[in-house]
Amino acid sequence: MRIHGGVLVPLGYGKYVRSDQVVAIIPIEDERGPGRRTFVYLEGQPEPVIASRAEDSIVRDLVREPQEITRVRQQQEILRDLLEDLRTVNETVRQIVQDRSRLDMDLIERRIKDALEGGPE
C-alpha cells in the first residue's frame, strides 16, 4: 500500500486532513460512539484528531489513487499503444494516408511523444 501525498482525506463531520500528514490511525475502543470512531495522529501534532469514520474507511481513502491520476495513466497507456502502432506504419502507407486524407502521421507521432514526455508517470 502506498499513501498518495497531497490528497484530502475526509474524517467525517467536515474534518479533512492531508494524506501525507497522517502518521497513525488507531481505532477508539473505549468511549467509542457517534462521532468517536478513530484517533488520527498527524505529523507535528501531539494530540490525535478524533474522526467519526472507521479506521478501515480512512485507510482505504489514504491509499486510493485519486481518479485524476488513474485517468491520466490510462490516457498515457493508450497514447503509448498508439505510438507503438504508428511506428509500424511504413513510409509509403504514411504518404498515401496523407495524400488521401490530409492526416499527417509524422505530426501525430511527434505530438504523442511530446505529450508523453511532459506527462506524469
N, C-alpha and C. Protein backbone atom coordinates (compact mmCIF):
# COMPACT_ATOMS: atom_id res chain seq x y z
N MET A 1 0.85 -1.19 0.00
CA MET A 1 0.00 0.00 0.00
C MET A 1 0.88 1.24 0.00
N ARG A 2 0.45 2.23 -0.74
CA ARG A 2 1.20 3.47 -0.81
C ARG A 2 0.25 4.63 -0.60
N ILE A 3 0.65 5.55 0.27
CA ILE A 3 -0.17 6.74 0.50
C ILE A 3 0.16 7.76 -0.59
N HIS A 4 -0.86 8.29 -1.21
CA HIS A 4 -0.69 9.31 -2.24
C HIS A 4 -0.71 10.68 -1.58
N GLY A 5 0.40 11.40 -1.67
CA GLY A 5 0.56 12.68 -0.99
C GLY A 5 -0.34 13.77 -1.52
N GLY A 6 -0.68 14.68 -0.62
CA GLY A 6 -1.43 15.87 -1.01
C GLY A 6 -2.90 15.66 -1.27
N VAL A 7 -3.43 14.50 -0.93
CA VAL A 7 -4.85 14.22 -1.14
C VAL A 7 -5.59 14.51 0.16
N LEU A 8 -6.71 15.22 0.07
CA LEU A 8 -7.51 15.47 1.27
C LEU A 8 -8.35 14.24 1.57
N VAL A 9 -8.26 13.79 2.83
CA VAL A 9 -8.98 12.60 3.26
C VAL A 9 -10.05 13.03 4.27
N PRO A 10 -11.31 12.69 4.01
CA PRO A 10 -12.37 13.07 4.96
C PRO A 10 -12.33 12.21 6.22
N LEU A 11 -12.49 12.87 7.36
CA LEU A 11 -12.56 12.17 8.64
C LEU A 11 -13.99 12.14 9.17
N GLY A 12 -14.87 12.87 8.51
CA GLY A 12 -16.26 12.94 8.93
C GLY A 12 -16.57 14.25 9.61
N TYR A 13 -17.82 14.64 9.59
CA TYR A 13 -18.30 15.90 10.20
C TYR A 13 -17.50 17.12 9.73
N GLY A 14 -17.13 17.13 8.47
CA GLY A 14 -16.44 18.29 7.90
C GLY A 14 -14.96 18.38 8.22
N LYS A 15 -14.38 17.35 8.80
CA LYS A 15 -12.94 17.35 9.09
C LYS A 15 -12.21 16.65 7.94
N TYR A 16 -11.12 17.28 7.49
CA TYR A 16 -10.28 16.71 6.43
C TYR A 16 -8.82 16.85 6.85
N VAL A 17 -7.99 15.91 6.43
CA VAL A 17 -6.55 16.00 6.65
C VAL A 17 -5.84 15.66 5.35
N ARG A 18 -4.62 16.16 5.23
CA ARG A 18 -3.80 15.80 4.06
C ARG A 18 -3.25 14.40 4.28
N SER A 19 -3.33 13.60 3.27
CA SER A 19 -2.92 12.20 3.37
C SER A 19 -1.47 12.04 3.80
N ASP A 20 -0.59 12.91 3.34
CA ASP A 20 0.83 12.76 3.66
C ASP A 20 1.18 13.26 5.06
N GLN A 21 0.22 13.76 5.82
CA GLN A 21 0.47 14.21 7.18
C GLN A 21 0.02 13.18 8.22
N VAL A 22 -0.67 12.15 7.78
CA VAL A 22 -1.15 11.12 8.70
C VAL A 22 0.00 10.18 9.04
N VAL A 23 0.23 10.00 10.36
CA VAL A 23 1.31 9.10 10.79
C VAL A 23 0.77 7.86 11.49
N ALA A 24 -0.44 7.91 12.01
CA ALA A 24 -1.02 6.73 12.67
C ALA A 24 -2.53 6.83 12.71
N ILE A 25 -3.16 5.67 12.64
CA ILE A 25 -4.62 5.57 12.74
C ILE A 25 -4.91 4.46 13.74
N ILE A 26 -5.63 4.82 14.80
CA ILE A 26 -5.91 3.86 15.86
C ILE A 26 -7.40 3.88 16.16
N PRO A 27 -8.04 2.70 16.12
CA PRO A 27 -9.47 2.67 16.43
C PRO A 27 -9.70 3.01 17.90
N ILE A 28 -10.75 3.74 18.16
CA ILE A 28 -11.12 4.05 19.54
C ILE A 28 -11.87 2.84 20.08
N GLU A 29 -11.40 2.32 21.20
CA GLU A 29 -12.06 1.15 21.78
C GLU A 29 -12.91 1.53 22.98
N ASP A 30 -12.41 2.44 23.82
CA ASP A 30 -13.18 2.90 24.97
C ASP A 30 -13.91 4.18 24.58
N GLU A 31 -15.13 4.33 25.01
CA GLU A 31 -15.95 5.51 24.73
C GLU A 31 -16.15 5.73 23.23
N ARG A 32 -16.18 4.65 22.49
CA ARG A 32 -16.43 4.73 21.05
C ARG A 32 -17.92 4.94 20.84
N GLY A 33 -18.25 5.78 19.88
CA GLY A 33 -19.66 6.01 19.60
C GLY A 33 -19.81 7.01 18.47
N PRO A 34 -20.99 7.56 18.30
CA PRO A 34 -21.21 8.54 17.23
C PRO A 34 -20.20 9.69 17.32
N GLY A 35 -19.51 9.92 16.23
CA GLY A 35 -18.52 10.99 16.20
C GLY A 35 -17.20 10.62 16.85
N ARG A 36 -17.07 9.42 17.37
CA ARG A 36 -15.84 8.97 18.05
C ARG A 36 -15.52 7.54 17.61
N ARG A 37 -14.87 7.43 16.45
CA ARG A 37 -14.58 6.10 15.93
C ARG A 37 -13.08 5.82 15.85
N THR A 38 -12.28 6.86 15.53
CA THR A 38 -10.87 6.62 15.24
C THR A 38 -10.01 7.79 15.68
N PHE A 39 -8.84 7.49 16.25
CA PHE A 39 -7.83 8.51 16.52
C PHE A 39 -6.94 8.59 15.28
N VAL A 40 -6.74 9.81 14.78
CA VAL A 40 -5.87 10.02 13.63
C VAL A 40 -4.74 10.95 14.08
N TYR A 41 -3.54 10.40 14.12
CA TYR A 41 -2.37 11.18 14.53
C TYR A 41 -1.75 11.83 13.30
N LEU A 42 -1.44 13.11 13.45
CA LEU A 42 -0.87 13.88 12.34
C LEU A 42 0.55 14.31 12.67
N GLU A 43 1.34 14.41 11.65
CA GLU A 43 2.73 14.84 11.78
C GLU A 43 2.80 16.20 12.48
N GLY A 44 3.62 16.28 13.53
CA GLY A 44 3.84 17.55 14.22
C GLY A 44 2.79 17.90 15.25
N GLN A 45 1.78 17.06 15.45
CA GLN A 45 0.74 17.34 16.44
C GLN A 45 0.74 16.23 17.49
N PRO A 46 0.92 16.60 18.75
CA PRO A 46 0.99 15.57 19.79
C PRO A 46 -0.35 14.88 20.09
N GLU A 47 -1.43 15.59 19.91
CA GLU A 47 -2.75 15.03 20.20
C GLU A 47 -3.43 14.58 18.89
N PRO A 48 -4.16 13.46 18.93
CA PRO A 48 -4.81 12.99 17.72
C PRO A 48 -6.07 13.79 17.41
N VAL A 49 -6.46 13.73 16.16
CA VAL A 49 -7.75 14.24 15.72
C VAL A 49 -8.73 13.08 15.88
N ILE A 50 -9.91 13.37 16.39
CA ILE A 50 -10.91 12.32 16.55
C ILE A 50 -11.79 12.31 15.31
N ALA A 51 -11.79 11.16 14.64
CA ALA A 51 -12.56 11.02 13.41
C ALA A 51 -13.86 10.28 13.70
N SER A 52 -14.88 10.60 12.94
CA SER A 52 -16.16 9.91 13.10
C SER A 52 -16.27 8.73 12.15
N ARG A 53 -15.26 8.54 11.32
CA ARG A 53 -15.26 7.41 10.38
C ARG A 53 -14.42 6.27 10.95
N ALA A 54 -14.72 5.07 10.51
CA ALA A 54 -13.98 3.89 10.94
C ALA A 54 -12.59 3.88 10.33
N GLU A 55 -11.66 3.25 11.02
CA GLU A 55 -10.26 3.24 10.59
C GLU A 55 -10.07 2.62 9.21
N ASP A 56 -10.79 1.55 8.88
CA ASP A 56 -10.61 0.93 7.57
C ASP A 56 -11.07 1.84 6.43
N SER A 57 -12.08 2.65 6.67
CA SER A 57 -12.54 3.61 5.65
C SER A 57 -11.50 4.70 5.42
N ILE A 58 -10.90 5.15 6.50
CA ILE A 58 -9.87 6.20 6.37
C ILE A 58 -8.65 5.65 5.65
N VAL A 59 -8.22 4.45 6.02
CA VAL A 59 -7.06 3.83 5.36
C VAL A 59 -7.34 3.64 3.88
N ARG A 60 -8.53 3.19 3.55
CA ARG A 60 -8.90 2.99 2.14
C ARG A 60 -8.76 4.30 1.35
N ASP A 61 -9.20 5.41 1.95
CA ASP A 61 -9.09 6.71 1.28
C ASP A 61 -7.64 7.19 1.21
N LEU A 62 -6.82 6.82 2.20
CA LEU A 62 -5.41 7.22 2.19
C LEU A 62 -4.64 6.58 1.05
N VAL A 63 -4.93 5.34 0.75
CA VAL A 63 -4.14 4.61 -0.24
C VAL A 63 -4.80 4.55 -1.62
N ARG A 64 -6.03 5.02 -1.72
CA ARG A 64 -6.71 5.02 -3.01
C ARG A 64 -6.08 6.06 -3.91
N GLU A 65 -5.84 5.66 -5.11
CA GLU A 65 -5.27 6.58 -6.08
C GLU A 65 -6.36 7.54 -6.55
N PRO A 66 -6.08 8.84 -6.52
CA PRO A 66 -7.09 9.79 -6.98
C PRO A 66 -7.50 9.51 -8.43
N GLN A 67 -8.76 9.72 -8.71
CA GLN A 67 -9.32 9.41 -10.03
C GLN A 67 -8.59 10.13 -11.16
N GLU A 68 -8.13 11.35 -10.90
CA GLU A 68 -7.43 12.10 -11.95
C GLU A 68 -6.14 11.40 -12.35
N ILE A 69 -5.42 10.85 -11.37
CA ILE A 69 -4.17 10.16 -11.66
C ILE A 69 -4.46 8.88 -12.44
N THR A 70 -5.49 8.16 -12.03
CA THR A 70 -5.87 6.94 -12.73
C THR A 70 -6.21 7.24 -14.18
N ARG A 71 -6.97 8.30 -14.39
CA ARG A 71 -7.38 8.68 -15.75
C ARG A 71 -6.16 9.06 -16.60
N VAL A 72 -5.24 9.82 -16.03
CA VAL A 72 -4.04 10.22 -16.77
C VAL A 72 -3.21 8.99 -17.15
N ARG A 73 -3.07 8.06 -16.23
CA ARG A 73 -2.30 6.84 -16.53
C ARG A 73 -2.95 6.03 -17.64
N GLN A 74 -4.28 5.96 -17.64
CA GLN A 74 -4.98 5.24 -18.70
C GLN A 74 -4.77 5.93 -20.04
N GLN A 75 -4.84 7.26 -20.05
CA GLN A 75 -4.64 8.01 -21.28
C GLN A 75 -3.22 7.83 -21.80
N GLN A 76 -2.25 7.83 -20.89
CA GLN A 76 -0.86 7.64 -21.31
C GLN A 76 -0.65 6.24 -21.89
N GLU A 77 -1.29 5.25 -21.30
CA GLU A 77 -1.18 3.89 -21.83
C GLU A 77 -1.74 3.80 -23.24
N ILE A 78 -2.87 4.44 -23.47
CA ILE A 78 -3.46 4.46 -24.81
C ILE A 78 -2.51 5.16 -25.79
N LEU A 79 -1.94 6.28 -25.36
CA LEU A 79 -1.02 7.01 -26.24
C LEU A 79 0.22 6.18 -26.55
N ARG A 80 0.75 5.46 -25.56
CA ARG A 80 1.93 4.60 -25.81
C ARG A 80 1.59 3.49 -26.82
N ASP A 81 0.40 2.90 -26.66
CA ASP A 81 -0.03 1.86 -27.60
C ASP A 81 -0.16 2.42 -29.01
N LEU A 82 -0.77 3.60 -29.12
CA LEU A 82 -0.94 4.24 -30.42
C LEU A 82 0.41 4.58 -31.05
N LEU A 83 1.32 5.10 -30.24
CA LEU A 83 2.66 5.44 -30.73
C LEU A 83 3.37 4.19 -31.24
N GLU A 84 3.26 3.11 -30.50
CA GLU A 84 3.87 1.85 -30.92
C GLU A 84 3.29 1.39 -32.26
N ASP A 85 1.99 1.50 -32.40
CA ASP A 85 1.34 1.11 -33.67
C ASP A 85 1.75 2.03 -34.81
N LEU A 86 1.85 3.32 -34.54
CA LEU A 86 2.25 4.27 -35.58
C LEU A 86 3.67 3.99 -36.09
N ARG A 87 4.52 3.53 -35.21
CA ARG A 87 5.91 3.25 -35.60
C ARG A 87 6.00 2.08 -36.59
N THR A 88 4.97 1.26 -36.67
CA THR A 88 4.99 0.13 -37.60
C THR A 88 4.49 0.50 -38.99
N VAL A 89 3.95 1.70 -39.15
CA VAL A 89 3.42 2.12 -40.45
C VAL A 89 4.58 2.60 -41.32
N ASN A 90 4.74 1.94 -42.48
CA ASN A 90 5.88 2.30 -43.34
C ASN A 90 5.65 3.62 -44.06
N GLU A 91 6.69 4.14 -44.65
CA GLU A 91 6.67 5.47 -45.26
C GLU A 91 5.69 5.56 -46.44
N THR A 92 5.58 4.51 -47.21
CA THR A 92 4.67 4.52 -48.36
C THR A 92 3.22 4.66 -47.89
N VAL A 93 2.85 3.91 -46.90
CA VAL A 93 1.48 3.98 -46.37
C VAL A 93 1.24 5.35 -45.75
N ARG A 94 2.22 5.88 -45.06
CA ARG A 94 2.08 7.23 -44.47
C ARG A 94 1.81 8.26 -45.56
N GLN A 95 2.55 8.16 -46.66
CA GLN A 95 2.38 9.12 -47.76
C GLN A 95 1.00 8.99 -48.40
N ILE A 96 0.54 7.76 -48.59
CA ILE A 96 -0.79 7.54 -49.17
C ILE A 96 -1.86 8.11 -48.25
N VAL A 97 -1.75 7.86 -46.95
CA VAL A 97 -2.74 8.37 -45.99
C VAL A 97 -2.76 9.89 -46.01
N GLN A 98 -1.57 10.50 -46.04
CA GLN A 98 -1.51 11.96 -46.04
C GLN A 98 -2.10 12.53 -47.33
N ASP A 99 -1.80 11.91 -48.46
CA ASP A 99 -2.33 12.39 -49.74
C ASP A 99 -3.85 12.25 -49.82
N ARG A 100 -4.39 11.16 -49.31
CA ARG A 100 -5.81 10.88 -49.43
C ARG A 100 -6.65 11.55 -48.36
N SER A 101 -6.09 11.75 -47.16
CA SER A 101 -6.93 12.24 -46.07
C SER A 101 -6.37 13.47 -45.36
N ARG A 102 -5.22 13.91 -45.75
CA ARG A 102 -4.53 15.03 -45.09
C ARG A 102 -4.21 14.73 -43.63
N LEU A 103 -4.12 13.47 -43.29
CA LEU A 103 -3.74 13.04 -41.95
C LEU A 103 -2.23 12.86 -41.92
N ASP A 104 -1.54 13.66 -41.15
CA ASP A 104 -0.07 13.61 -41.08
C ASP A 104 0.35 12.73 -39.90
N MET A 105 0.69 11.50 -40.19
CA MET A 105 1.06 10.54 -39.15
C MET A 105 2.35 10.94 -38.44
N ASP A 106 3.27 11.58 -39.16
CA ASP A 106 4.51 12.03 -38.52
C ASP A 106 4.22 13.10 -37.47
N LEU A 107 3.33 14.02 -37.82
CA LEU A 107 2.95 15.06 -36.87
C LEU A 107 2.26 14.46 -35.65
N ILE A 108 1.35 13.53 -35.87
CA ILE A 108 0.66 12.87 -34.76
C ILE A 108 1.66 12.15 -33.87
N GLU A 109 2.61 11.47 -34.47
CA GLU A 109 3.63 10.75 -33.71
C GLU A 109 4.45 11.71 -32.84
N ARG A 110 4.84 12.85 -33.42
CA ARG A 110 5.61 13.86 -32.65
C ARG A 110 4.78 14.42 -31.50
N ARG A 111 3.51 14.69 -31.76
CA ARG A 111 2.65 15.25 -30.71
C ARG A 111 2.43 14.26 -29.58
N ILE A 112 2.29 12.98 -29.91
CA ILE A 112 2.14 11.96 -28.87
C ILE A 112 3.42 11.87 -28.04
N LYS A 113 4.58 11.88 -28.70
CA LYS A 113 5.86 11.84 -27.97
C LYS A 113 5.97 13.03 -27.03
N ASP A 114 5.63 14.22 -27.52
CA ASP A 114 5.68 15.42 -26.68
C ASP A 114 4.74 15.31 -25.48
N ALA A 115 3.55 14.80 -25.71
CA ALA A 115 2.57 14.65 -24.63
C ALA A 115 3.06 13.66 -23.58
N LEU A 116 3.64 12.56 -24.02
CA LEU A 116 4.13 11.55 -23.08
C LEU A 116 5.35 12.04 -22.30
N GLU A 117 6.20 12.81 -22.92
CA GLU A 117 7.38 13.33 -22.22
C GLU A 117 7.00 14.35 -21.18
N GLY A 118 5.92 15.08 -21.38
CA GLY A 118 5.52 16.12 -20.44
C GLY A 118 4.56 15.65 -19.37
N GLY A 119 4.03 14.43 -19.49
CA GLY A 119 3.01 13.96 -18.55
C GLY A 119 3.58 13.27 -17.34
N PRO A 120 2.80 13.18 -16.24
CA PRO A 120 3.25 12.49 -15.02
C PRO A 120 3.31 10.99 -15.23
N GLU A 121 4.25 10.35 -14.61
CA GLU A 121 4.39 8.88 -14.68
C GLU A 121 3.74 8.25 -13.49
